[in-house]
């Protein structure tokens, strides 16, 4: 990766639907050269997927909460991991070192849904 690849990634990070034509103007390369660089970034798994960012308020998910989780017995870890991945409100799950085992980032409609 060089500075041009970094600039291309920045453009895509700002707008995943930006065209190769728009990127080419910013990085001062031809459209085919930009398209080839993007293809190589995808092929080398530097770009792994394109996603959308939703407006939580517009979708009714007005409460964003961070929840610390402790797992009391190690034999419960696999069950926790498998169940947490299917809950629609869980945006992220991070394994922690220290006083807590996991940190969840959760998006729900209100405090009742959080409970």
Protein backbone atom coordinates (compact mmCIF):
# COMPACT_ATOMS: atom_id res chain seq x y z
CA UNK A 1 0.00 0.00 0.00
CA UNK A 2 1.16 3.49 -0.81
CA UNK A 3 -0.20 7.00 -0.31
CA UNK A 4 -2.51 6.68 -3.32
CA UNK A 5 -4.06 3.49 -1.92
CA UNK A 6 -4.52 5.26 1.41
CA UNK A 7 -6.24 8.18 -0.35
CA UNK A 8 -8.52 5.74 -2.21
CA UNK A 9 -9.42 4.02 1.06
CA UNK A 10 -10.20 7.38 2.64
CA UNK A 11 -12.56 8.24 -0.23
CA UNK A 12 -14.32 4.89 0.10
CA UNK A 13 -14.49 5.20 3.87
CA UNK A 14 -16.24 8.55 3.53
CA UNK A 15 -18.65 7.22 0.91
CA UNK A 16 -18.68 3.54 -0.04
CA UNK A 17 -20.67 4.36 -3.17
CA UNK A 18 -18.26 6.95 -4.55
CA UNK A 19 -17.43 6.29 -8.20
CA UNK A 20 -14.01 5.48 -9.59
CA UNK A 21 -14.39 8.66 -11.65
CA UNK A 22 -14.78 10.80 -8.52
CA UNK A 23 -11.88 9.06 -6.81
CA UNK A 24 -9.67 9.48 -9.90
CA UNK A 25 -10.12 13.25 -9.73
CA UNK A 26 -9.07 13.32 -6.08
CA UNK A 27 -6.04 11.03 -6.37
CA UNK A 28 -5.04 12.22 -9.87
CA UNK A 29 -5.02 8.79 -11.54
CA UNK A 30 -6.98 7.45 -14.49
CA UNK A 31 -10.29 5.73 -13.85
CA UNK A 32 -8.93 2.30 -14.94
CA UNK A 33 -5.93 2.72 -12.61
CA UNK A 34 -8.23 3.53 -9.68
CA UNK A 35 -10.51 0.60 -10.50
CA UNK A 36 -7.49 -1.74 -10.63
CA UNK A 37 -6.19 -0.49 -7.29
CA UNK A 38 -9.62 -1.00 -5.71
CA UNK A 39 -9.75 -4.53 -7.17
CA UNK A 40 -6.32 -5.32 -5.67
CA UNK A 41 -7.35 -3.86 -2.29
CA UNK A 42 -10.39 -6.15 -2.35
CA UNK A 43 -8.38 -9.14 -3.57
CA UNK A 44 -5.83 -8.69 -0.76
CA UNK A 45 -8.66 -8.40 1.81
CA UNK A 46 -7.69 -4.86 2.75
CA UNK A 47 -11.24 -3.96 1.70
CA UNK A 48 -13.33 -6.77 3.14
CA UNK A 49 -16.86 -5.52 2.58
CA UNK A 50 -18.97 -2.46 1.91
CA UNK A 51 -21.59 -1.58 4.51
CA UNK A 52 -24.19 1.07 5.17
CA UNK A 53 -24.53 3.27 8.19
CA UNK A 54 -28.11 3.66 9.40
CA UNK A 55 -29.59 6.62 11.20
CA UNK A 56 -30.69 5.02 14.47
CA UNK A 57 -33.31 7.70 15.11
CA UNK A 58 -34.95 7.15 11.72
CA UNK A 59 -35.12 3.39 12.37
CA UNK A 60 -36.57 3.84 15.88
CA UNK A 61 -33.40 2.73 17.68
CA UNK A 62 -33.10 5.83 19.85
CA UNK A 63 -31.20 4.36 22.79
CA UNK A 64 -27.53 3.46 22.47
CA UNK A 65 -26.13 1.65 25.50
CA UNK A 66 -22.86 0.05 26.56
CA UNK A 67 -23.21 -2.96 28.81
CA UNK A 68 -20.46 -4.66 30.80
CA UNK A 69 -20.90 -8.43 31.11
CA UNK A 70 -19.34 -10.93 33.50
CA UNK A 71 -19.52 -14.65 32.77
CA UNK A 72 -19.53 -16.49 36.08
CA UNK A 73 -18.40 -19.89 34.74
CA UNK A 74 -16.12 -20.57 31.78
CA UNK A 75 -18.43 -23.34 30.55
CA UNK A 76 -21.06 -20.62 29.83
CA UNK A 77 -18.82 -18.65 27.46
CA UNK A 78 -19.68 -20.58 24.28
CA UNK A 79 -23.42 -20.34 24.97
CA UNK A 80 -23.08 -16.60 25.61
CA UNK A 81 -21.14 -16.07 22.39
CA UNK A 82 -23.60 -18.02 20.26
CA UNK A 83 -26.65 -16.30 21.75
CA UNK A 84 -25.25 -12.77 21.65
CA UNK A 85 -24.53 -12.96 17.91
CA UNK A 86 -28.20 -13.50 17.03
CA UNK A 87 -29.65 -10.64 19.09
CA UNK A 88 -30.62 -7.86 16.66
CA UNK A 89 -29.90 -5.01 19.07
CA UNK A 90 -26.29 -5.99 19.69
CA UNK A 91 -24.07 -3.95 17.40
CA UNK A 92 -20.71 -4.98 18.82
CA UNK A 93 -19.32 -7.43 21.36
CA UNK A 94 -15.77 -6.96 22.67
CA UNK A 95 -13.79 -9.36 24.85
CA UNK A 96 -12.12 -7.48 27.71
CA UNK A 97 -9.26 -8.03 30.09
CA UNK A 98 -9.80 -6.89 33.66
CA UNK A 99 -12.86 -6.64 35.88
CA UNK A 100 -15.38 -7.52 33.14
CA UNK A 101 -15.39 -10.22 30.47
CA UNK A 102 -17.27 -8.48 27.65
CA UNK A 103 -18.49 -5.05 26.58
CA UNK A 104 -21.63 -4.90 24.46
CA UNK A 105 -22.68 -1.98 22.31
CA UNK A 106 -26.47 -2.17 22.02
CA UNK A 107 -28.98 -0.15 20.05
CA UNK A 108 -32.66 -0.43 21.03
CA UNK A 109 -35.82 1.65 20.86
CA UNK A 110 -36.07 2.60 24.54
CA UNK A 111 -35.26 1.55 28.10
CA UNK A 112 -38.03 -1.06 28.11
CA UNK A 113 -36.44 -2.77 25.12
CA UNK A 114 -33.07 -2.56 26.86
CA UNK A 115 -34.43 -4.34 29.93
